[in-house]
Amino acid sequence: MPRSEWRRGRATGFRWSVAYFRGRMTNFPSISGKQLLVALQKSGFELIRVKGSHHFMRHADGRSTVVPVHSNESIGPGLLAKILRDCDISRDQLHQLL
C-alpha cells in the first residue's frame, strides 16, 4: 500500500467522520472570562496582575491560574477544564459560584 494511502487512514480502515465526534459534547457551561473571574473571586482567588487580556489569579494557599478575558468570547471546554484543574474546583462548585 502506498504511503499516501497509509497517511489518509486507509491502511487501518478507520476514517474520521462526524459520527465519531457525536456524543462528545461536554456538560461544561458556556461562560465568558469575566463571569469566570467573578466566580473565582467568590471562591477566594485574588487578581495578581493583568498582562494584555490575560488575568493572573492566585489563592492564599498557592493555587494559581490564568484566565483570558476576550470581548464577547466564551471560554472553550478544554481551557475551562484546565483552569478548574489548576484551581482545584469541581464543575459542581463552579455551578454554585455562578
PDB file of N, CA and C in Angstrom:
ATOM      1  N   MET A   1       0.847  -1.172   0.000  1.00  0.00           N
ATOM      2  CA  MET A   1       0.000   0.000   0.000  1.00  0.00           C
ATOM      3  C   MET A   1       0.898   1.243   0.000  1.00  0.00           C
ATOM      4  N   PRO A   2       0.629   2.203  -0.870  1.00  0.00           N
ATOM      5  CA  PRO A   2       1.446   3.422  -0.903  1.00  0.00           C
ATOM      6  C   PRO A   2       1.333   4.198   0.410  1.00  0.00           C
ATOM      7  N   ARG A   3       2.385   4.901   0.725  1.00  0.00           N
ATOM      8  CA  ARG A   3       2.441   5.666   1.971  1.00  0.00           C
ATOM      9  C   ARG A   3       1.355   6.729   2.032  1.00  0.00           C
ATOM     10  N   SER A   4       0.981   7.314   0.897  1.00  0.00           N
ATOM     11  CA  SER A   4      -0.058   8.351   0.906  1.00  0.00           C
ATOM     12  C   SER A   4      -1.401   7.785   1.384  1.00  0.00           C
ATOM     13  N   GLU A   5      -1.704   6.545   1.012  1.00  0.00           N
ATOM     14  CA  GLU A   5      -2.944   5.933   1.487  1.00  0.00           C
ATOM     15  C   GLU A   5      -2.844   5.584   2.961  1.00  0.00           C
ATOM     16  N   TRP A   6      -1.665   5.248   3.434  1.00  0.00           N
ATOM     17  CA  TRP A   6      -1.472   4.950   4.834  1.00  0.00           C
ATOM     18  C   TRP A   6      -1.740   6.198   5.687  1.00  0.00           C
ATOM     19  N   ARG A   7      -1.291   7.354   5.189  1.00  0.00           N
ATOM     20  CA  ARG A   7      -1.498   8.608   5.908  1.00  0.00           C
ATOM     21  C   ARG A   7      -2.969   8.998   5.959  1.00  0.00           C
ATOM     22  N   ARG A   8      -3.719   8.645   4.978  1.00  0.00           N
ATOM     23  CA  ARG A   8      -5.135   9.014   4.935  1.00  0.00           C
ATOM     24  C   ARG A   8      -5.997   8.105   5.799  1.00  0.00           C
ATOM     25  N   GLY A   9      -5.402   7.113   6.419  1.00  0.00           N
ATOM     26  CA  GLY A   9      -6.159   6.232   7.300  1.00  0.00           C
ATOM     27  C   GLY A   9      -6.719   5.017   6.608  1.00  0.00           C
ATOM     28  N   ARG A  10      -6.365   4.818   5.349  1.00  0.00           N
ATOM     29  CA  ARG A  10      -6.913   3.677   4.615  1.00  0.00           C
ATOM     30  C   ARG A  10      -6.224   2.382   4.986  1.00  0.00           C
ATOM     31  N   ALA A  11      -5.033   2.482   5.574  1.00  0.00           N
ATOM     32  CA  ALA A  11      -4.320   1.263   5.929  1.00  0.00           C
ATOM     33  C   ALA A  11      -5.033   0.533   7.059  1.00  0.00           C
ATOM     34  N   THR A  12      -5.635   1.259   7.966  1.00  0.00           N
ATOM     35  CA  THR A  12      -6.315   0.628   9.089  1.00  0.00           C
ATOM     36  C   THR A  12      -7.808   0.484   8.846  1.00  0.00           C
ATOM     37  N   GLY A  13      -8.311   1.152   7.849  1.00  0.00           N
ATOM     38  CA  GLY A  13      -9.743   1.111   7.586  1.00  0.00           C
ATOM     39  C   GLY A  13     -10.521   2.130   8.398  1.00  0.00           C
ATOM     40  N   PHE A  14      -9.838   2.868   9.280  1.00  0.00           N
ATOM     41  CA  PHE A  14     -10.508   3.865  10.111  1.00  0.00           C
ATOM     42  C   PHE A  14     -10.509   5.202   9.392  1.00  0.00           C
ATOM     43  N   ARG A  15     -11.679   5.854   9.367  1.00  0.00           N
ATOM     44  CA  ARG A  15     -11.775   7.176   8.752  1.00  0.00           C
ATOM     45  C   ARG A  15     -12.462   8.100   9.730  1.00  0.00           C
ATOM     46  N   TRP A  16     -11.919   9.287   9.866  1.00  0.00           N
ATOM     47  CA  TRP A  16     -12.530  10.292  10.732  1.00  0.00           C
ATOM     48  C   TRP A  16     -13.827  10.750  10.102  1.00  0.00           C
ATOM     49  N   SER A  17     -14.853  10.842  10.882  1.00  0.00           N
ATOM     50  CA  SER A  17     -16.121  11.324  10.368  1.00  0.00           C
ATOM     51  C   SER A  17     -16.853  12.066  11.471  1.00  0.00           C
ATOM     52  N   VAL A  18     -17.916  12.715  11.087  1.00  0.00           N
ATOM     53  CA  VAL A  18     -18.725  13.443  12.056  1.00  0.00           C
ATOM     54  C   VAL A  18     -19.334  12.479  13.059  1.00  0.00           C
ATOM     55  N   ALA A  19     -19.632  11.279  12.644  1.00  0.00           N
ATOM     56  CA  ALA A  19     -20.229  10.285  13.532  1.00  0.00           C
ATOM     57  C   ALA A  19     -19.287   9.948  14.691  1.00  0.00           C
ATOM     58  N   TYR A  20     -17.983  10.023  14.470  1.00  0.00           N
ATOM     59  CA  TYR A  20     -17.022   9.745  15.526  1.00  0.00           C
ATOM     60  C   TYR A  20     -17.142  10.759  16.655  1.00  0.00           C
ATOM     61  N   PHE A  21     -17.430  12.016  16.307  1.00  0.00           N
ATOM     62  CA  PHE A  21     -17.456  13.080  17.293  1.00  0.00           C
ATOM     63  C   PHE A  21     -18.822  13.259  17.940  1.00  0.00           C
ATOM     64  N   ARG A  22     -19.845  12.574  17.466  1.00  0.00           N
ATOM     65  CA  ARG A  22     -21.162  12.685  18.082  1.00  0.00           C
ATOM     66  C   ARG A  22     -21.121  12.126  19.492  1.00  0.00           C
ATOM     67  N   GLY A  23     -21.807  12.783  20.384  1.00  0.00           N
ATOM     68  CA  GLY A  23     -21.849  12.327  21.750  1.00  0.00           C
ATOM     69  C   GLY A  23     -20.656  12.763  22.576  1.00  0.00           C
ATOM     70  N   ARG A  24     -19.797  13.589  22.024  1.00  0.00           N
ATOM     71  CA  ARG A  24     -18.629  14.051  22.755  1.00  0.00           C
ATOM     72  C   ARG A  24     -18.820  15.472  23.267  1.00  0.00           C
ATOM     73  N   MET A  25     -20.045  15.892  23.444  1.00  0.00           N
ATOM     74  CA  MET A  25     -20.305  17.220  23.962  1.00  0.00           C
ATOM     75  C   MET A  25     -20.063  17.202  25.468  1.00  0.00           C
ATOM     76  N   THR A  26     -19.514  18.287  25.989  1.00  0.00           N
ATOM     77  CA  THR A  26     -19.271  18.350  27.418  1.00  0.00           C
ATOM     78  C   THR A  26     -20.451  19.006  28.104  1.00  0.00           C
ATOM     79  N   ASN A  27     -20.539  18.805  29.396  1.00  0.00           N
ATOM     80  CA  ASN A  27     -21.602  19.444  30.137  1.00  0.00           C
ATOM     81  C   ASN A  27     -21.086  20.659  30.891  1.00  0.00           C
ATOM     82  N   PHE A  28     -19.980  21.228  30.434  1.00  0.00           N
ATOM     83  CA  PHE A  28     -19.499  22.483  30.986  1.00  0.00           C
ATOM     84  C   PHE A  28     -20.401  23.611  30.508  1.00  0.00           C
ATOM     85  N   PRO A  29     -20.659  24.572  31.362  1.00  0.00           N
ATOM     86  CA  PRO A  29     -21.450  25.708  30.904  1.00  0.00           C
ATOM     87  C   PRO A  29     -20.622  26.591  29.980  1.00  0.00           C
ATOM     88  N   SER A  30     -21.270  27.313  29.117  1.00  0.00           N
ATOM     89  CA  SER A  30     -20.586  28.254  28.241  1.00  0.00           C
ATOM     90  C   SER A  30     -20.531  29.598  28.968  1.00  0.00           C
ATOM     91  N   ILE A  31     -19.360  29.926  29.489  1.00  0.00           N
ATOM     92  CA  ILE A  31     -19.233  31.166  30.245  1.00  0.00           C
ATOM     93  C   ILE A  31     -18.118  32.016  29.664  1.00  0.00           C
ATOM     94  N   SER A  32     -18.171  33.297  29.926  1.00  0.00           N
ATOM     95  CA  SER A  32     -17.148  34.218  29.446  1.00  0.00           C
ATOM     96  C   SER A  32     -16.032  34.324  30.484  1.00  0.00           C
ATOM     97  N   GLY A  33     -14.962  34.964  30.108  1.00  0.00           N
ATOM     98  CA  GLY A  33     -13.847  35.153  31.028  1.00  0.00           C
ATOM     99  C   GLY A  33     -14.225  36.022  32.213  1.00  0.00           C
ATOM    100  N   LYS A  34     -15.047  37.042  31.979  1.00  0.00           N
ATOM    101  CA  LYS A  34     -15.473  37.924  33.069  1.00  0.00           C
ATOM    102  C   LYS A  34     -16.295  37.164  34.101  1.00  0.00           C
ATOM    103  N   GLN A  35     -17.195  36.300  33.637  1.00  0.00           N
ATOM    104  CA  GLN A  35     -18.005  35.507  34.561  1.00  0.00           C
ATOM    105  C   GLN A  35     -17.129  34.557  35.371  1.00  0.00           C
ATOM    106  N   LEU A  36     -16.111  33.985  34.730  1.00  0.00           N
ATOM    107  CA  LEU A  36     -15.211  33.082  35.430  1.00  0.00           C
ATOM    108  C   LEU A  36     -14.378  33.828  36.457  1.00  0.00           C
ATOM    109  N   LEU A  37     -13.959  35.060  36.140  1.00  0.00           N
ATOM    110  CA  LEU A  37     -13.214  35.866  37.098  1.00  0.00           C
ATOM    111  C   LEU A  37     -14.035  36.121  38.354  1.00  0.00           C
ATOM    112  N   VAL A  38     -15.295  36.467  38.181  1.00  0.00           N
ATOM    113  CA  VAL A  38     -16.175  36.737  39.320  1.00  0.00           C
ATOM    114  C   VAL A  38     -16.345  35.479  40.164  1.00  0.00           C
ATOM    115  N   ALA A  39     -16.526  34.334  39.519  1.00  0.00           N
ATOM    116  CA  ALA A  39     -16.697  33.080  40.254  1.00  0.00           C
ATOM    117  C   ALA A  39     -15.429  32.725  41.030  1.00  0.00           C
ATOM    118  N   LEU A  40     -14.265  32.931  40.423  1.00  0.00           N
ATOM    119  CA  LEU A  40     -13.017  32.625  41.116  1.00  0.00           C
ATOM    120  C   LEU A  40     -12.787  33.566  42.284  1.00  0.00           C
ATOM    121  N   GLN A  41     -13.173  34.830  42.129  1.00  0.00           N
ATOM    122  CA  GLN A  41     -13.033  35.779  43.230  1.00  0.00           C
ATOM    123  C   GLN A  41     -13.948  35.402  44.388  1.00  0.00           C
ATOM    124  N   LYS A  42     -15.124  34.866  44.090  1.00  0.00           N
ATOM    125  CA  LYS A  42     -16.029  34.406  45.147  1.00  0.00           C
ATOM    126  C   LYS A  42     -15.432  33.238  45.914  1.00  0.00           C
ATOM    127  N   SER A  43     -14.610  32.431  45.247  1.00  0.00           N
ATOM    128  CA  SER A  43     -14.017  31.270  45.915  1.00  0.00           C
ATOM    129  C   SER A  43     -12.689  31.605  46.576  1.00  0.00           C
ATOM    130  N   GLY A  44     -12.292  32.869  46.593  1.00  0.00           N
ATOM    131  CA  GLY A  44     -11.104  33.272  47.343  1.00  0.00           C
ATOM    132  C   GLY A  44      -9.880  33.606  46.520  1.00  0.00           C
ATOM    133  N   PHE A  45      -9.979  33.628  45.216  1.00  0.00           N
ATOM    134  CA  PHE A  45      -8.831  33.982  44.376  1.00  0.00           C
ATOM    135  C   PHE A  45      -8.727  35.497  44.260  1.00  0.00           C
ATOM    136  N   GLU A  46      -7.488  35.974  44.207  1.00  0.00           N
ATOM    137  CA  GLU A  46      -7.227  37.408  44.051  1.00  0.00           C
ATOM    138  C   GLU A  46      -6.582  37.659  42.705  1.00  0.00           C
ATOM    139  N   LEU A  47      -6.884  38.790  42.141  1.00  0.00           N
ATOM    140  CA  LEU A  47      -6.264  39.197  40.878  1.00  0.00           C
ATOM    141  C   LEU A  47      -4.865  39.712  41.184  1.00  0.00           C
ATOM    142  N   ILE A  48      -3.854  39.046  40.650  1.00  0.00           N
ATOM    143  CA  ILE A  48      -2.463  39.418  40.900  1.00  0.00           C
ATOM    144  C   ILE A  48      -2.012  40.501  39.922  1.00  0.00           C
ATOM    145  N   ARG A  49      -2.203  40.214  38.641  1.00  0.00           N
ATOM    146  CA  ARG A  49      -1.794  41.173  37.609  1.00  0.00           C
ATOM    147  C   ARG A  49      -2.536  40.874  36.323  1.00  0.00           C
ATOM    148  N   VAL A  50      -2.467  41.826  35.414  1.00  0.00           N
ATOM    149  CA  VAL A  50      -3.090  41.685  34.099  1.00  0.00           C
ATOM    150  C   VAL A  50      -2.033  41.999  33.064  1.00  0.00           C
ATOM    151  N   LYS A  51      -1.879  41.103  32.106  1.00  0.00           N
ATOM    152  CA  LYS A  51      -0.953  41.351  31.008  1.00  0.00           C
ATOM    153  C   LYS A  51      -1.728  41.143  29.713  1.00  0.00           C
ATOM    154  N   GLY A  52      -2.082  42.232  29.080  1.00  0.00           N
ATOM    155  CA  GLY A  52      -2.920  42.166  27.896  1.00  0.00           C
ATOM    156  C   GLY A  52      -4.320  41.751  28.300  1.00  0.00           C
ATOM    157  N   SER A  53      -4.794  40.651  27.765  1.00  0.00           N
ATOM    158  CA  SER A  53      -6.126  40.167  28.114  1.00  0.00           C
ATOM    159  C   SER A  53      -6.070  38.987  29.079  1.00  0.00           C
ATOM    160  N   HIS A  54      -4.878  38.673  29.593  1.00  0.00           N
ATOM    161  CA  HIS A  54      -4.713  37.538  30.489  1.00  0.00           C
ATOM    162  C   HIS A  54      -4.664  38.011  31.932  1.00  0.00           C
ATOM    163  N   HIS A  55      -5.597  37.524  32.737  1.00  0.00           N
ATOM    164  CA  HIS A  55      -5.700  37.890  34.133  1.00  0.00           C
ATOM    165  C   HIS A  55      -5.100  36.764  34.975  1.00  0.00           C
ATOM    166  N   PHE A  56      -4.087  37.090  35.764  1.00  0.00           N
ATOM    167  CA  PHE A  56      -3.394  36.119  36.598  1.00  0.00           C
ATOM    168  C   PHE A  56      -4.016  36.163  37.984  1.00  0.00           C
ATOM    169  N   MET A  57      -4.493  35.011  38.436  1.00  0.00           N
ATOM    170  CA  MET A  57      -5.179  34.938  39.719  1.00  0.00           C
ATOM    171  C   MET A  57      -4.474  33.939  40.623  1.00  0.00           C
ATOM    172  N   ARG A  58      -4.469  34.248  41.940  1.00  0.00           N
ATOM    173  CA  ARG A  58      -3.817  33.368  42.899  1.00  0.00           C
ATOM    174  C   ARG A  58      -4.654  33.295  44.166  1.00  0.00           C
ATOM    175  N   HIS A  59      -4.683  32.105  44.759  1.00  0.00           N
ATOM    176  CA  HIS A  59      -5.382  31.873  46.018  1.00  0.00           C
ATOM    177  C   HIS A  59      -4.364  31.998  47.157  1.00  0.00           C
ATOM    178  N   ALA A  60      -4.848  32.228  48.364  1.00  0.00           N
ATOM    179  CA  ALA A  60      -3.965  32.366  49.520  1.00  0.00           C
ATOM    180  C   ALA A  60      -3.165  31.091  49.796  1.00  0.00           C
ATOM    181  N   ASP A  61      -3.688  29.938  49.415  1.00  0.00           N
ATOM    182  CA  ASP A  61      -2.967  28.682  49.655  1.00  0.00           C
ATOM    183  C   ASP A  61      -1.993  28.317  48.545  1.00  0.00           C
ATOM    184  N   GLY A  62      -1.849  29.160  47.526  1.00  0.00           N
ATOM    185  CA  GLY A  62      -0.832  28.945  46.499  1.00  0.00           C
ATOM    186  C   GLY A  62      -1.344  28.506  45.147  1.00  0.00           C
ATOM    187  N   ARG A  63      -2.606  28.107  45.045  1.00  0.00           N
ATOM    188  CA  ARG A  63      -3.148  27.726  43.736  1.00  0.00           C
ATOM    189  C   ARG A  63      -3.197  28.965  42.843  1.00  0.00           C
ATOM    190  N   SER A  64      -2.900  28.792  41.565  1.00  0.00           N
ATOM    191  CA  SER A  64      -2.939  29.940  40.654  1.00  0.00           C
ATOM    192  C   SER A  64      -3.359  29.497  39.264  1.00  0.00           C
ATOM    193  N   THR A  65      -3.845  30.451  38.486  1.00  0.00           N
ATOM    194  CA  THR A  65      -4.265  30.175  37.120  1.00  0.00           C
ATOM    195  C   THR A  65      -4.277  31.471  36.326  1.00  0.00           C
ATOM    196  N   VAL A  66      -4.439  31.330  35.030  1.00  0.00           N
ATOM    197  CA  VAL A  66      -4.539  32.469  34.124  1.00  0.00           C
ATOM    198  C   VAL A  66      -5.871  32.358  33.401  1.00  0.00           C
ATOM    199  N   VAL A  67      -6.634  33.465  33.395  1.00  0.00           N
ATOM    200  CA  VAL A  67      -7.936  33.481  32.745  1.00  0.00           C
ATOM    201  C   VAL A  67      -7.898  34.499  31.611  1.00  0.00           C
ATOM    202  N   PRO A  68      -8.121  34.074  30.364  1.00  0.00           N
ATOM    203  CA  PRO A  68      -8.180  35.038  29.265  1.00  0.00           C
ATOM    204  C   PRO A  68      -9.554  35.706  29.234  1.00  0.00           C
ATOM    205  N   VAL A  69      -9.551  37.013  29.102  1.00  0.00           N
ATOM    206  CA  VAL A  69     -10.807  37.761  29.031  1.00  0.00           C
ATOM    207  C   VAL A  69     -10.828  38.478  27.688  1.00  0.00           C
ATOM    208  N   HIS A  70     -11.498  37.876  26.727  1.00  0.00           N
ATOM    209  CA  HIS A  70     -11.661  38.485  25.410  1.00  0.00           C
ATOM    210  C   HIS A  70     -13.109  38.908  25.263  1.00  0.00           C
ATOM    211  N   SER A  71     -13.322  40.008  24.587  1.00  0.00           N
ATOM    212  CA  SER A  71     -14.677  40.543  24.487  1.00  0.00           C
ATOM    213  C   SER A  71     -15.577  39.613  23.685  1.00  0.00           C
ATOM    214  N   ASN A  72     -16.745  39.329  24.238  1.00  0.00           N
ATOM    215  CA  ASN A  72     -17.789  38.525  23.593  1.00  0.00           C
ATOM    216  C   ASN A  72     -17.331  37.137  23.170  1.00  0.00           C
ATOM    217  N   GLU A  73     -16.384  36.558  23.894  1.00  0.00           N
ATOM    218  CA  GLU A  73     -15.934  35.198  23.585  1.00  0.00           C
ATOM    219  C   GLU A  73     -16.091  34.339  24.814  1.00  0.00           C
ATOM    220  N   SER A  74     -16.632  33.161  24.625  1.00  0.00           N
ATOM    221  CA  SER A  74     -16.740  32.242  25.751  1.00  0.00           C
ATOM    222  C   SER A  74     -15.474  31.398  25.821  1.00  0.00           C
ATOM    223  N   ILE A  75     -15.209  30.882  26.992  1.00  0.00           N
ATOM    224  CA  ILE A  75     -14.037  30.040  27.198  1.00  0.00           C
ATOM    225  C   ILE A  75     -14.395  28.627  26.756  1.00  0.00           C
ATOM    226  N   GLY A  76     -13.541  28.024  25.985  1.00  0.00           N
ATOM    227  CA  GLY A  76     -13.784  26.685  25.463  1.00  0.00           C
ATOM    228  C   GLY A  76     -13.772  25.638  26.567  1.00  0.00           C
ATOM    229  N   PRO A  77     -14.373  24.486  26.307  1.00  0.00           N
ATOM    230  CA  PRO A  77     -14.465  23.460  27.345  1.00  0.00           C
ATOM    231  C   PRO A  77     -13.114  22.911  27.788  1.00  0.00           C
ATOM    232  N   GLY A  78     -12.166  22.798  26.888  1.00  0.00           N
ATOM    233  CA  GLY A  78     -10.851  22.292  27.265  1.00  0.00           C
ATOM    234  C   GLY A  78     -10.099  23.249  28.172  1.00  0.00           C
ATOM    235  N   LEU A  79     -10.136  24.532  27.826  1.00  0.00           N
ATOM    236  CA  LEU A  79      -9.471  25.539  28.641  1.00  0.00           C
ATOM    237  C   LEU A  79     -10.162  25.681  29.989  1.00  0.00           C
ATOM    238  N   LEU A  80     -11.482  25.611  29.998  1.00  0.00           N
ATOM    239  CA  LEU A  80     -12.222  25.697  31.248  1.00  0.00           C
ATOM    240  C   LEU A  80     -11.868  24.517  32.160  1.00  0.00           C
ATOM    241  N   ALA A  81     -11.745  23.333  31.594  1.00  0.00           N
ATOM    242  CA  ALA A  81     -11.359  22.163  32.377  1.00  0.00           C
ATOM    243  C   ALA A  81      -9.961  22.340  32.968  1.00  0.00           C
ATOM    244  N   LYS A  82      -9.055  22.902  32.190  1.00  0.00           N
ATOM    245  CA  LYS A  82      -7.684  23.130  32.661  1.00  0.00           C
ATOM    246  C   LYS A  82      -7.669  24.153  33.788  1.00  0.00           C
ATOM    247  N   ILE A  83      -8.430  25.223  33.653  1.00  0.00           N
ATOM    248  CA  ILE A  83      -8.487  26.252  34.695  1.00  0.00           C
ATOM    249  C   ILE A  83      -9.068  25.662  35.980  1.00  0.00           C
ATOM    250  N   LEU A  84     -10.121  24.867  35.856  1.00  0.00           N
ATOM    251  CA  LEU A  84     -10.722  24.255  37.040  1.00  0.00           C
ATOM    252  C   LEU A  84      -9.765  23.265  37.701  1.00  0.00           C
ATOM    253  N   ARG A  85      -8.973  22.554  36.895  1.00  0.00           N
ATOM    254  CA  ARG A  85      -7.964  21.637  37.449  1.00  0.00           C
ATOM    255  C   ARG A  85      -6.895  22.420  38.210  1.00  0.00           C
ATOM    256  N   ASP A  86      -6.439  23.531  37.611  1.00  0.00           N
ATOM    257  CA  ASP A  86      -5.427  24.363  38.269  1.00  0.00           C
ATOM    258  C   ASP A  86      -5.933  24.914  39.592  1.00  0.00           C
ATOM    259  N   CYS A  87      -7.212  25.284  39.627  1.00  0.00           N
ATOM    260  CA  CYS A  87      -7.805  25.891  40.822  1.00  0.00           C
ATOM    261  C   CYS A  87      -8.315  24.863  41.807  1.00  0.00           C
ATOM    262  N   ASP A  88      -8.311  23.600  41.436  1.00  0.00           N
ATOM    263  CA  ASP A  88      -8.833  22.516  42.260  1.00  0.00           C
ATOM    264  C   ASP A  88     -10.295  22.776  42.628  1.00  0.00           C
ATOM    265  N   ILE A  89     -11.081  23.119  41.612  1.00  0.00           N
ATOM    266  CA  ILE A  89     -12.509  23.380  41.767  1.00  0.00           C
ATOM    267  C   ILE A  89     -13.254  22.398  40.872  1.00  0.00           C
ATOM    268  N   SER A  90     -14.312  21.807  41.391  1.00  0.00           N
ATOM    269  CA  SER A  90     -15.100  20.869  40.591  1.00  0.00           C
ATOM    270  C   SER A  90     -16.136  21.630  39.766  1.00  0.00           C
ATOM    271  N   ARG A  91     -16.743  20.932  38.827  1.00  0.00           N
ATOM    272  CA  ARG A  91     -17.784  21.545  37.996  1.00  0.00           C
ATOM    273  C   ARG A  91     -18.994  21.938  38.840  1.00  0.00           C
ATOM    274  N   ASP A  92     -19.313  21.106  39.814  1.00  0.00           N
ATOM    275  CA  ASP A  92     -20.451  21.418  40.686  1.00  0.00           C
ATOM    276  C   ASP A  92     -20.191  22.677  41.501  1.00  0.00           C
ATOM    277  N   GLN A  93     -18.958  22.826  41.990  1.00  0.00           N
ATOM    278  CA  GLN A  93     -18.614  24.032  42.736  1.00  0.00           C
ATOM    279  C   GLN A  93     -18.693  25.266  41.847  1.00  0.00           C
ATOM    280  N   LEU A  94     -18.281  25.122  40.591  1.00  0.00           N
ATOM    281  CA  LEU A  94     -18.362  26.243  39.667  1.00  0.00           C
ATOM    282  C   LEU A  94     -19.820  26.629  39.432  1.00  0.00           C
ATOM    283  N   HIS A  95     -20.698  25.655  39.264  1.00  0.00           N
ATOM    284  CA  HIS A  95     -22.127  25.942  39.066  1.00  0.00           C
ATOM    285  C   HIS A  95     -22.683  26.706  40.269  1.00  0.00           C
ATOM    286  N   GLN A  96     -22.258  26.342  41.479  1.00  0.00           N
ATOM    287  CA  GLN A  96     -22.734  27.041  42.665  1.00  0.00           C
ATOM    288  C   GLN A  96     -22.204  28.461  42.721  1.00  0.00           C
ATOM    289  N   LEU A  97     -20.970  28.681  42.274  1.00  0.00           N
ATOM    290  CA  LEU A  97     -20.373  30.016  42.305  1.00  0.00           C
ATOM    291  C   LEU A  97     -20.994  30.938  41.249  1.00  0.00           C
ATOM    292  N   LEU A  98     -21.477  30.359  40.172  1.00  0.00           N
ATOM    293  CA  LEU A  98     -22.107  31.175  39.130  1.00  0.00           C
ATOM    294  C   LEU A  98     -23.502  31.520  39.571  1.00  0.00           C
TER     295      LEU A  98
END
